[in-house]
Amino acid sequence: MLNLSIILEDSARHVPDRTALVFGDLRLPYSMVDSVANQVASLLVARGIGKGDKVALLCPNVPYFPFVYFGILKAGATVVPLNLLLQPREIAYHLTDSDAKALFCFEGTPELPMGARGREAFEATDGCEQFIVLPATPLATESEHGESFWAALDGMSAEFETVQTEPGDTAAILYTSGTTGQAKGAVLTHANLLINTMVSDGMFPADPEGDVSLAVLPLFHSFGQVSVMNVCLRRRGTLVLLPRFDPGAALELMVREKVTMFAGVPTMYWAMLSKIHSDGDEVPKTLKVAVSGAASLPIEVLKDFEATFGIPILEGYGLSETSPAASFNQLSRPTKPGTIGFPIWGVEMRLVDDEWNPIEGEGPGEVAVRGHNIMKGYYGRPEETAEVMRDGWFRTGDIATRDEEGYYSIIDRTKDMIIRGGFNVYPREVEEVLMTHPSVSLVAVVGVPHDSHGEEVKAYVILAPGATASGDELIGWAKENMAAYKYPRIIEFRETLPISATGKILKRELR
């Protein structure tokens, strides 16, 4: 018997009165979060949904997310969290592809009408039988989009005996962003997610007073869900929920709630540092652990953060398919800035070539991972699963090098690599060099079609406040600092760059 919901249940048993969730002025104790999750499980069972059934959840970082997430798990069902930015057609695709029986959907806002989009998708999906609205107004029992969560829970028992599930049973299906065609659902087991939570938790000493973690990474994404929400609830900490990242709001919450742990993506660190330097925002003093993942963190941002906050950023690496953590700069060994550290406990990594043969020495090669964190496969896609999995190894699509001490450094995604005149150019390397120019604040490098070279190197640049460098000036400087085949021939200045719901720079929109 193993059910991921144990991380909430155990904390609710031991510290029932401790604050589990902070959202605006709301402070909810562990006992209440567990009780509402029990009511959700009671509701699902009453509606005929149980072991092996799939339940979709479209919800931002608000208390509904953990209520419903753990309620689905307690009922023995599988949770299918959905990206908040999906349009009705895409939501319908995910509901159909995952065989979801029910959808819990947040009402949303005028700018992001999730309720209306979710309803339209639900109407268009044959197999999905239940649509429950998570109302934006607290405790509202009515919604224009359908049955309200609170009305549905009325009369449901707050006592529930969690359904017994096996370690290999499916706990969640997490959809990958689908940069190559349609999104695929990574099937993750109770063991995958629970062991990853426990190992991630064990990497950092707990604050005896109780840790406070800021959840601004979207909880629908594996990084926010496992590394932030699950780790915090397992260590009996307080999870401070912020539905939309804003650097000023994040810094203010860190100060007010005395946040000790923060996990973010590189663009978040860059935005908070920019805010502190340009507007003089207060630097939080209580932060003990800062973690970055999901994309490579520029060395210049690492240095600036350590100088400003007085603590290093620990970089890690993982994917939805690896539950998510695979490697990390862990406190047991020295941190190496610019690397993703070494494999976490119970996980092996190696570099392979196109034929899966191991590459010895430094590489470069494609990262392959094996261990307790590897998904069962892509839901309903045996051929695509077979392409990326062999003998327990999963190939990630990321190119990396490895130093003599076993620390890995991601060079780039295989699909982001630029081939210019027959030479391989790794955008990350070009970005790192450009970021050292005093006028450059942020940069994204992509390959664009070129008649004779196949592809040309193009850089999108956000200038530092007050900087006036021209494109020709930056190209000339880059030419002096990089090999002839690498430096960008085209520079376009931007005020902003397109960012995904998970905070990554969307290079496909720049190509």
Protein backbone atom coordinates (compact mmCIF):
# COMPACT_ATOMS: atom_id res chain seq x y z
CA MET A 1 0.00 0.00 0.00
CA LEU A 2 1.43 3.35 -1.00
CA ASN A 3 -0.56 6.50 -1.73
CA LEU A 4 1.02 9.89 -2.42
CA SER A 5 -1.67 11.55 -0.25
CA ILE A 6 0.29 10.31 2.80
CA ILE A 7 2.40 13.49 2.65
CA LEU A 8 -0.65 15.58 3.55
CA GLU A 9 -2.22 13.03 5.91
CA ASP A 10 0.94 12.49 7.95
CA SER A 11 1.44 16.24 8.47
CA ALA A 12 -2.25 16.72 9.35
CA ARG A 13 -1.91 14.00 12.01
CA HIS A 14 1.26 15.43 13.56
CA VAL A 15 0.75 19.21 13.26
CA PRO A 16 -3.03 19.64 12.72
CA ASP A 17 -3.04 23.28 13.88
CA ARG A 18 0.02 24.45 11.98
CA THR A 19 -0.66 26.73 8.99
CA ALA A 20 -0.44 24.68 5.80
CA LEU A 21 -1.56 27.30 3.26
CA VAL A 22 -1.36 31.08 3.11
CA PHE A 23 -3.35 32.82 0.37
CA GLY A 24 -3.84 36.58 0.75
CA ASP A 25 -5.39 36.99 4.20
CA LEU A 26 -6.44 33.31 4.40
CA ARG A 27 -4.42 31.04 6.69
CA LEU A 28 -5.55 27.41 6.55
CA PRO A 29 -4.32 24.76 9.04
CA TYR A 30 -3.29 21.25 8.00
CA SER A 31 -6.40 19.73 9.63
CA MET A 32 -8.70 21.82 7.40
CA VAL A 33 -6.80 21.13 4.16
CA ASP A 34 -6.94 17.40 4.89
CA SER A 35 -10.67 17.56 5.77
CA VAL A 36 -11.60 19.33 2.52
CA ALA A 37 -9.48 16.82 0.56
CA ASN A 38 -11.46 14.05 2.33
CA GLN A 39 -14.71 15.70 1.23
CA VAL A 40 -13.44 15.81 -2.38
CA ALA A 41 -12.62 12.08 -2.16
CA SER A 42 -16.09 11.38 -0.68
CA LEU A 43 -17.66 13.35 -3.54
CA LEU A 44 -15.74 11.47 -6.24
CA VAL A 45 -16.66 8.08 -4.77
CA ALA A 46 -20.32 9.18 -4.47
CA ARG A 47 -20.22 10.10 -8.18
CA GLY A 48 -18.83 6.70 -9.13
CA ILE A 49 -15.23 7.79 -9.67
CA GLY A 50 -12.50 5.70 -8.10
CA LYS A 51 -9.40 3.63 -8.62
CA GLY A 52 -7.87 4.01 -12.05
CA ASP A 53 -10.24 6.79 -13.18
CA LYS A 54 -8.70 10.04 -14.42
CA VAL A 55 -9.74 13.44 -13.05
CA ALA A 56 -8.54 16.67 -14.67
CA LEU A 57 -7.72 19.81 -12.68
CA LEU A 58 -7.49 23.26 -14.27
CA CYS A 59 -6.56 25.57 -11.43
CA PRO A 60 -4.01 28.29 -10.57
CA ASN A 61 -1.98 28.49 -7.34
CA VAL A 62 -4.94 28.91 -4.98
CA PRO A 63 -6.05 26.63 -2.07
CA TYR A 64 -8.39 24.66 -4.37
CA PHE A 65 -5.36 23.07 -6.03
CA PRO A 66 -4.12 21.05 -3.01
CA PHE A 67 -7.74 20.40 -1.87
CA VAL A 68 -8.62 18.71 -5.17
CA TYR A 69 -5.18 17.22 -5.95
CA PHE A 70 -5.05 15.26 -2.68
CA GLY A 71 -8.78 14.47 -2.80
CA ILE A 72 -8.34 12.77 -6.18
CA LEU A 73 -5.37 10.76 -4.85
CA LYS A 74 -7.25 9.72 -1.69
CA ALA A 75 -10.06 8.34 -3.89
CA GLY A 76 -7.47 6.16 -5.65
CA ALA A 77 -8.00 8.10 -8.89
CA THR A 78 -5.37 9.70 -11.13
CA VAL A 79 -4.93 13.49 -11.19
CA VAL A 80 -4.42 15.19 -14.57
CA PRO A 81 -3.31 18.81 -13.98
CA LEU A 82 -3.77 21.13 -16.97
CA ASN A 83 -1.91 24.24 -18.12
CA LEU A 84 -3.89 27.39 -17.29
CA LEU A 85 -3.31 29.00 -20.67
CA LEU A 86 -4.96 26.27 -22.76
CA GLN A 87 -7.76 27.27 -25.12
CA PRO A 88 -11.05 25.26 -25.22
CA ARG A 89 -9.90 23.08 -28.13
CA GLU A 90 -6.67 22.21 -26.31
CA ILE A 91 -8.47 21.47 -23.03
CA ALA A 92 -10.82 19.13 -24.92
CA TYR A 93 -7.77 17.40 -26.47
CA HIS A 94 -6.28 16.78 -23.00
CA LEU A 95 -9.59 15.54 -21.56
CA THR A 96 -10.03 13.11 -24.47
CA ASP A 97 -6.38 12.01 -24.61
CA SER A 98 -6.27 11.25 -20.85
CA ASP A 99 -9.75 9.63 -20.72
CA ALA A 100 -10.73 12.07 -17.96
CA LYS A 101 -14.06 11.27 -16.26
CA ALA A 102 -14.32 14.65 -14.50
CA LEU A 103 -12.94 18.19 -14.68
CA PHE A 104 -12.49 20.51 -11.71
CA CYS A 105 -12.15 23.96 -13.25
CA PHE A 106 -11.36 27.35 -11.71
CA GLU A 107 -13.71 30.16 -12.75
CA GLY A 108 -10.85 32.43 -13.69
CA THR A 109 -10.83 36.16 -14.35
CA PRO A 110 -12.01 38.43 -17.19
CA GLU A 111 -8.40 38.31 -18.55
CA LEU A 112 -8.15 34.52 -18.19
CA PRO A 113 -11.69 33.06 -18.49
CA MET A 114 -10.83 29.50 -17.44
CA GLY A 115 -14.39 28.69 -16.40
CA ALA A 116 -15.86 29.55 -19.80
CA ARG A 117 -13.03 27.76 -21.64
CA GLY A 118 -13.29 24.68 -19.42
CA ARG A 119 -17.07 24.50 -19.85
CA GLU A 120 -16.82 24.74 -23.64
CA ALA A 121 -14.20 21.94 -23.66
CA PHE A 122 -16.27 19.78 -21.32
CA GLU A 123 -19.34 20.12 -23.58
CA ALA A 124 -17.20 18.98 -26.52
CA THR A 125 -15.82 15.87 -24.76
CA ASP A 126 -17.96 12.74 -24.76
CA GLY A 127 -16.34 10.67 -22.02
CA CYS A 128 -16.07 13.42 -19.42
CA GLU A 129 -19.12 13.16 -17.15
CA GLN A 130 -18.61 15.65 -14.31
CA PHE A 131 -17.83 19.36 -14.47
CA ILE A 132 -17.26 21.10 -11.13
CA VAL A 133 -16.52 24.81 -10.93
CA LEU A 134 -14.02 26.17 -8.42
CA PRO A 135 -15.58 29.61 -7.82
CA ALA A 136 -13.39 32.71 -7.70
CA THR A 137 -15.57 34.11 -4.87
CA PRO A 138 -14.70 32.21 -1.67
CA LEU A 139 -17.40 29.70 -0.61
CA ALA A 140 -19.79 30.76 -3.41
CA THR A 141 -22.38 28.01 -3.95
CA GLU A 142 -23.39 29.11 -7.45
CA SER A 143 -21.55 29.73 -10.70
CA GLU A 144 -22.70 30.70 -14.18
CA HIS A 145 -20.50 27.92 -15.57
CA GLY A 146 -22.06 24.97 -13.73
CA GLU A 147 -22.11 23.14 -10.41
CA SER A 148 -20.14 24.93 -7.70
CA PHE A 149 -17.47 23.05 -5.73
CA TRP A 150 -18.97 24.17 -2.41
CA ALA A 151 -22.50 23.12 -3.36
CA ALA A 152 -21.16 19.73 -4.50
CA LEU A 153 -19.29 19.22 -1.19
CA ASP A 154 -22.38 20.03 0.87
CA GLY A 155 -23.18 17.01 3.04
CA MET A 156 -20.00 15.14 2.02
CA SER A 157 -18.14 13.48 4.88
CA ALA A 158 -14.86 15.03 6.05
CA GLU A 159 -13.77 11.56 7.17
CA PHE A 160 -12.44 9.28 4.45
CA GLU A 161 -10.42 6.11 4.44
CA THR A 162 -7.85 6.55 1.68
CA VAL A 163 -8.16 3.96 -1.07
CA GLN A 164 -5.31 1.48 -1.01
CA THR A 165 -3.07 1.89 -4.04
CA GLU A 166 0.08 0.03 -5.04
CA PRO A 167 3.46 1.75 -5.58
CA GLY A 168 3.19 1.12 -9.35
CA ASP A 169 -0.37 2.48 -9.68
CA THR A 170 -0.70 5.73 -11.62
CA ALA A 171 -0.95 8.83 -9.42
CA ALA A 172 -0.71 11.57 -12.06
CA ILE A 173 -0.52 12.15 -15.79
CA LEU A 174 1.54 15.26 -16.48
CA TYR A 175 1.40 16.69 -19.98
CA THR A 176 4.66 17.84 -21.52
CA SER A 177 4.54 21.16 -23.31
CA GLY A 178 4.41 19.54 -26.72
CA THR A 179 7.10 21.52 -28.55
CA THR A 180 7.18 18.62 -31.01
CA GLY A 181 3.60 18.17 -32.16
CA GLN A 182 0.84 17.46 -29.65
CA ALA A 183 1.33 17.31 -25.90
CA LYS A 184 1.99 13.84 -24.46
CA GLY A 185 0.96 12.65 -21.00
CA ALA A 186 3.81 11.33 -18.84
CA VAL A 187 2.37 8.57 -16.62
CA LEU A 188 3.80 8.87 -13.09
CA THR A 189 3.23 6.40 -10.27
CA HIS A 190 2.68 6.92 -6.54
CA ALA A 191 6.22 5.58 -6.02
CA ASN A 192 7.71 7.93 -8.66
CA LEU A 193 6.23 11.03 -7.06
CA LEU A 194 6.54 10.02 -3.40
CA ILE A 195 10.20 8.97 -3.64
CA ASN A 196 11.04 12.10 -5.62
CA THR A 197 9.34 14.22 -2.95
CA MET A 198 11.21 12.42 -0.14
CA VAL A 199 14.62 12.61 -1.83
CA SER A 200 14.12 16.29 -2.78
CA ASP A 201 13.02 17.06 0.78
CA GLY A 202 16.04 15.26 2.25
CA MET A 203 18.50 17.42 0.29
CA PHE A 204 17.87 20.49 2.47
CA PRO A 205 17.96 20.76 6.27
CA ALA A 206 14.51 21.59 7.68
CA ASP A 207 13.93 24.70 9.79
CA PRO A 208 12.98 23.48 13.30
CA GLU A 209 10.45 26.37 13.51
CA GLY A 210 8.82 25.18 10.29
CA ASP A 211 9.83 26.23 6.78
CA VAL A 212 7.89 28.75 4.73
CA SER A 213 7.92 28.13 0.98
CA LEU A 214 6.70 30.54 -1.71
CA ALA A 215 4.73 28.72 -4.43
CA VAL A 216 4.80 30.88 -7.53
CA LEU A 217 5.87 28.15 -9.97
CA PRO A 218 2.59 26.84 -11.41
CA LEU A 219 1.38 23.83 -9.44
CA PHE A 220 0.08 22.16 -12.63
CA HIS A 221 3.75 21.76 -13.63
CA SER A 222 5.93 19.00 -12.12
CA PHE A 223 8.51 21.44 -10.69
CA GLY A 224 5.93 23.46 -8.73
CA GLN A 225 3.85 20.42 -7.82
CA VAL A 226 6.56 18.11 -6.49
CA SER A 227 9.57 20.27 -5.63
CA VAL A 228 7.51 23.06 -4.04
CA MET A 229 4.02 21.90 -2.91
CA ASN A 230 4.73 18.26 -2.07
CA VAL A 231 8.13 18.91 -0.46
CA CYS A 232 6.72 21.75 1.67
CA LEU A 233 3.70 19.75 2.87
CA ARG A 234 5.86 16.71 3.61
CA ARG A 235 8.22 18.77 5.78
CA ARG A 236 5.18 20.25 7.58
CA GLY A 237 5.99 23.71 6.31
CA THR A 238 3.75 26.62 5.30
CA LEU A 239 3.01 27.03 1.60
CA VAL A 240 2.47 30.66 0.55
CA LEU A 241 0.45 30.70 -2.69
CA LEU A 242 0.96 33.33 -5.38
CA PRO A 243 -1.20 32.72 -8.49
CA ARG A 244 0.74 34.94 -10.89
CA PHE A 245 4.40 35.79 -10.75
CA ASP A 246 5.13 39.46 -10.31
CA PRO A 247 8.63 40.33 -9.05
CA GLY A 248 7.41 43.07 -6.68
CA ALA A 249 4.62 40.91 -5.21
CA ALA A 250 6.97 37.94 -4.80
CA LEU A 251 9.60 40.01 -2.96
CA GLU A 252 6.96 41.64 -0.75
CA LEU A 253 5.49 38.22 0.20
CA MET A 254 8.97 36.85 0.97
CA VAL A 255 9.54 39.70 3.41
CA ARG A 256 6.04 39.65 4.97
CA GLU A 257 5.74 35.87 5.40
CA LYS A 258 9.43 35.35 6.30
CA VAL A 259 9.91 32.88 3.45
CA THR A 260 12.81 30.44 3.95
CA MET A 261 12.58 28.44 0.68
CA PHE A 262 12.06 29.61 -2.89
CA ALA A 263 12.17 27.67 -6.15
CA GLY A 264 11.94 29.53 -9.43
CA VAL A 265 12.95 29.54 -13.07
CA PRO A 266 15.75 31.79 -14.38
CA THR A 267 13.42 34.51 -15.71
CA MET A 268 11.94 34.92 -12.18
CA TYR A 269 15.36 35.45 -10.58
CA TRP A 270 16.28 37.89 -13.33
CA ALA A 271 13.01 39.85 -12.84
CA MET A 272 13.38 40.06 -9.02
CA LEU A 273 16.98 41.27 -9.28
CA SER A 274 15.99 43.85 -11.92
CA LYS A 275 13.22 45.10 -9.57
CA ILE A 276 15.60 45.39 -6.60
CA HIS A 277 18.24 47.24 -8.64
CA SER A 278 15.87 49.58 -10.49
CA ASP A 279 13.19 50.28 -7.84
CA GLY A 280 15.07 49.64 -4.61
CA ASP A 281 12.71 46.89 -3.38
CA GLU A 282 13.63 45.37 -0.02
CA VAL A 283 15.84 42.27 -0.15
CA PRO A 284 14.28 39.41 1.88
CA LYS A 285 16.53 38.42 4.82
CA THR A 286 15.00 35.05 5.84
CA LEU A 287 15.67 33.08 2.64
CA LYS A 288 17.85 30.02 3.31
CA VAL A 289 17.35 27.93 0.16
CA ALA A 290 16.99 29.18 -3.42
CA VAL A 291 16.57 26.60 -6.17
CA SER A 292 16.44 27.02 -9.94
CA GLY A 293 15.43 24.59 -12.67
CA ALA A 294 13.42 24.19 -15.91
CA ALA A 295 16.00 26.13 -17.96
CA SER A 296 19.68 27.06 -17.71
CA LEU A 297 20.43 29.94 -15.36
CA PRO A 298 22.84 32.54 -16.79
CA ILE A 299 26.05 32.74 -14.70
CA GLU A 300 25.67 36.56 -14.50
CA VAL A 301 22.28 36.12 -12.76
CA LEU A 302 23.80 33.56 -10.34
CA LYS A 303 26.59 35.98 -9.35
CA ASP A 304 24.20 38.92 -8.98
CA PHE A 305 21.79 36.88 -6.80
CA GLU A 306 24.51 35.68 -4.43
CA ALA A 307 25.89 39.21 -4.09
CA THR A 308 22.40 40.65 -3.46
CA PHE A 309 20.74 37.95 -1.31
CA GLY A 310 23.83 36.51 0.38
CA ILE A 311 22.98 32.89 -0.54
CA PRO A 312 23.75 30.85 -3.66
CA ILE A 313 21.14 29.56 -6.10
CA LEU A 314 21.29 25.76 -6.27
CA GLU A 315 20.65 24.58 -9.81
CA GLY A 316 18.99 21.27 -10.55
CA TYR A 317 17.63 19.43 -13.53
CA GLY A 318 14.63 17.30 -14.32
CA LEU A 319 11.64 16.81 -16.59
CA SER A 320 8.01 15.82 -16.21
CA GLU A 321 9.11 12.34 -17.33
CA THR A 322 11.57 12.14 -14.38
CA SER A 323 9.05 13.07 -11.64
CA PRO A 324 10.83 15.74 -11.96
CA ALA A 325 14.19 15.91 -10.11
CA ALA A 326 17.07 13.94 -11.70
CA SER A 327 20.20 15.84 -10.64
CA PHE A 328 21.04 18.69 -8.30
CA ASN A 329 23.77 20.76 -6.71
CA GLN A 330 23.40 19.08 -3.32
CA LEU A 331 24.75 20.35 -0.01
CA SER A 332 26.77 17.16 0.57
CA ARG A 333 29.34 18.30 -2.03
CA PRO A 334 30.58 21.71 -3.22
CA THR A 335 28.22 23.63 -5.49
CA LYS A 336 29.51 24.27 -9.00
CA PRO A 337 27.76 27.32 -10.48
CA GLY A 338 26.61 26.78 -14.05
CA THR A 339 26.24 23.00 -13.59
CA ILE A 340 23.14 20.94 -12.75
CA GLY A 341 25.14 19.10 -10.10
CA PHE A 342 25.15 15.31 -9.92
CA PRO A 343 22.39 12.67 -9.85
CA ILE A 344 20.09 12.62 -6.80
CA TRP A 345 19.94 9.56 -4.55
CA GLY A 346 18.76 6.42 -6.36
CA VAL A 347 19.20 7.88 -9.85
CA GLU A 348 21.85 7.19 -12.51
CA MET A 349 22.76 9.46 -15.41
CA ARG A 350 24.94 8.99 -18.43
CA LEU A 351 25.71 10.54 -21.81
CA VAL A 352 24.67 8.59 -24.91
CA ASP A 353 25.00 8.97 -28.67
CA ASP A 354 22.18 8.63 -31.24
CA GLU A 355 22.45 4.82 -31.06
CA TRP A 356 22.16 4.76 -27.23
CA ASN A 357 25.86 3.89 -26.85
CA PRO A 358 27.37 5.36 -23.64
CA ILE A 359 29.84 8.22 -24.21
CA GLU A 360 32.85 8.15 -21.88
CA GLY A 361 34.69 11.20 -20.59
CA GLU A 362 33.47 14.74 -20.95
CA GLY A 363 31.11 14.36 -23.88
CA PRO A 364 29.07 16.16 -25.17
CA GLY A 365 26.22 13.67 -25.41
CA GLU A 366 22.50 13.32 -24.82
CA VAL A 367 21.55 12.86 -21.17
CA ALA A 368 19.95 9.51 -20.31
CA VAL A 369 18.47 8.84 -16.86
CA ARG A 370 17.53 5.67 -14.98
CA GLY A 371 16.04 5.22 -11.51
CA HIS A 372 12.96 5.37 -9.28
CA ASN A 373 11.89 8.63 -10.96
CA ILE A 374 11.32 7.40 -14.53
CA MET A 375 7.73 7.48 -15.80
CA LYS A 376 5.85 4.34 -16.84
CA GLY A 377 5.60 5.82 -20.33
CA TYR A 378 3.48 8.24 -22.36
CA TYR A 379 -0.23 7.61 -21.86
CA GLY A 380 -1.65 5.59 -24.77
CA ARG A 381 1.51 6.08 -26.89
CA PRO A 382 3.57 2.88 -26.96
CA GLU A 383 5.57 3.88 -30.07
CA GLU A 384 6.60 7.25 -28.67
CA THR A 385 7.44 5.62 -25.33
CA ALA A 386 9.68 3.06 -27.11
CA GLU A 387 11.57 5.90 -28.85
CA VAL A 388 12.72 7.42 -25.55
CA MET A 389 12.92 4.40 -23.21
CA ARG A 390 15.19 1.36 -23.32
CA ASP A 391 16.30 -1.04 -20.53
CA GLY A 392 14.97 1.34 -17.90
CA TRP A 393 16.90 4.29 -19.36
CA PHE A 394 15.06 7.42 -20.53
CA ARG A 395 16.66 9.76 -23.04
CA THR A 396 15.93 13.39 -22.31
CA GLY A 397 16.62 15.30 -25.52
CA ASP A 398 19.14 17.48 -23.66
CA ILE A 399 22.80 17.74 -24.64
CA ALA A 400 25.29 17.93 -21.76
CA THR A 401 28.93 17.58 -20.78
CA ARG A 402 30.26 15.92 -17.60
CA ASP A 403 33.39 16.92 -15.68
CA GLU A 404 35.87 14.57 -13.98
CA GLU A 405 33.97 14.82 -10.67
CA GLY A 406 30.68 13.73 -12.25
CA TYR A 407 28.97 17.15 -12.40
CA TYR A 408 26.81 17.62 -15.49
CA SER A 409 26.33 20.84 -17.47
CA ILE A 410 23.46 21.20 -19.91
CA ILE A 411 24.60 22.74 -23.17
CA ASP A 412 21.20 22.88 -24.85
CA ARG A 413 18.09 21.06 -26.03
CA THR A 414 18.88 18.89 -29.06
CA LYS A 415 16.10 20.71 -30.94
CA ASP A 416 17.42 24.20 -30.07
CA MET A 417 20.86 23.52 -31.52
CA ILE A 418 21.68 25.70 -34.53
CA ILE A 419 23.59 24.19 -37.47
CA ARG A 420 25.34 27.08 -39.23
CA GLY A 421 27.42 26.20 -42.27
CA GLY A 422 27.89 22.67 -40.96
CA PHE A 423 29.01 23.80 -37.48
CA ASN A 424 26.97 23.07 -34.33
CA VAL A 425 26.16 26.24 -32.40
CA TYR A 426 24.66 25.90 -28.90
CA PRO A 427 22.43 28.93 -28.18
CA ARG A 428 23.10 28.72 -24.43
CA GLU A 429 26.84 29.29 -24.96
CA VAL A 430 26.20 32.39 -27.10
CA GLU A 431 23.67 33.68 -24.53
CA GLU A 432 26.16 33.27 -21.66
CA VAL A 433 28.78 35.36 -23.49
CA LEU A 434 26.31 38.09 -24.52
CA MET A 435 25.00 38.33 -20.91
CA THR A 436 28.47 39.49 -19.80
CA HIS A 437 28.16 42.66 -21.93
CA PRO A 438 27.33 45.56 -19.57
CA SER A 439 24.44 46.80 -21.78
CA VAL A 440 22.68 43.42 -21.97
CA SER A 441 20.05 42.49 -19.37
CA LEU A 442 18.53 39.35 -20.94
CA VAL A 443 19.03 37.51 -24.22
CA ALA A 444 17.55 34.61 -26.18
CA VAL A 445 19.42 33.12 -29.15
CA VAL A 446 17.72 31.13 -31.93
CA GLY A 447 18.52 29.83 -35.40
CA VAL A 448 16.71 31.42 -38.35
CA PRO A 449 16.68 30.06 -41.93
CA HIS A 450 19.52 31.22 -44.21
CA ASP A 451 20.00 30.56 -47.93
CA SER A 452 23.66 29.54 -47.95
CA HIS A 453 24.47 28.63 -44.31
CA GLY A 454 21.27 26.66 -43.64
CA GLU A 455 20.72 28.61 -40.42
CA GLU A 456 21.92 31.94 -39.11
CA VAL A 457 22.43 32.91 -35.46
CA LYS A 458 20.00 35.57 -34.23
CA ALA A 459 19.87 37.18 -30.77
CA TYR A 460 16.86 38.86 -29.17
CA VAL A 461 18.14 41.31 -26.58
CA ILE A 462 16.57 43.20 -23.68
CA LEU A 463 18.89 46.09 -22.81
CA ALA A 464 19.82 46.97 -19.24
CA PRO A 465 18.01 50.09 -17.86
CA GLY A 466 19.58 53.22 -19.35
CA ALA A 467 21.80 51.30 -21.81
CA THR A 468 21.96 52.50 -25.42
CA ALA A 469 24.11 49.90 -27.24
CA SER A 470 23.31 49.46 -30.95
CA GLY A 471 22.96 46.17 -32.81
CA ASP A 472 26.18 46.78 -34.78
CA GLU A 473 28.04 47.51 -31.56
CA LEU A 474 26.89 44.23 -29.95
CA ILE A 475 27.66 42.23 -33.11
CA GLY A 476 31.17 43.74 -33.25
CA TRP A 477 31.74 42.97 -29.57
CA ALA A 478 30.45 39.40 -29.97
CA LYS A 479 32.74 38.88 -32.99
CA GLU A 480 35.76 39.69 -30.78
CA ASN A 481 34.59 37.33 -28.03
CA MET A 482 33.36 34.28 -29.97
CA ALA A 483 34.44 31.96 -32.78
CA ALA A 484 33.51 33.20 -36.25
CA TYR A 485 30.78 30.57 -36.77
CA LYS A 486 29.12 31.29 -33.40
CA TYR A 487 28.58 35.01 -33.02
CA PRO A 488 25.12 36.40 -33.93
CA ARG A 489 24.85 38.21 -37.27
CA ILE A 490 21.34 39.50 -36.47
CA ILE A 491 20.27 41.33 -33.31
CA GLU A 492 16.73 42.42 -32.53
CA PHE A 493 15.96 44.55 -29.48
CA ARG A 494 12.86 43.78 -27.45
CA GLU A 495 11.16 45.25 -24.38
CA THR A 496 9.98 41.76 -23.36
CA LEU A 497 10.39 38.14 -24.47
CA PRO A 498 7.56 35.60 -24.86
CA ILE A 499 7.32 33.54 -21.66
CA SER A 500 5.39 30.29 -21.11
CA ALA A 501 3.03 29.67 -18.18
CA THR A 502 5.95 27.91 -16.47
CA GLY A 503 8.29 30.89 -16.92
CA LYS A 504 10.44 29.57 -19.76
CA ILE A 505 11.42 31.76 -22.73
CA LEU A 506 9.41 30.45 -25.72
CA LYS A 507 12.05 30.16 -28.42
CA ARG A 508 9.62 28.61 -30.91
CA GLU A 509 7.75 31.95 -30.96
CA LEU A 510 10.98 33.81 -31.74
CA ARG A 511 12.07 31.63 -34.67
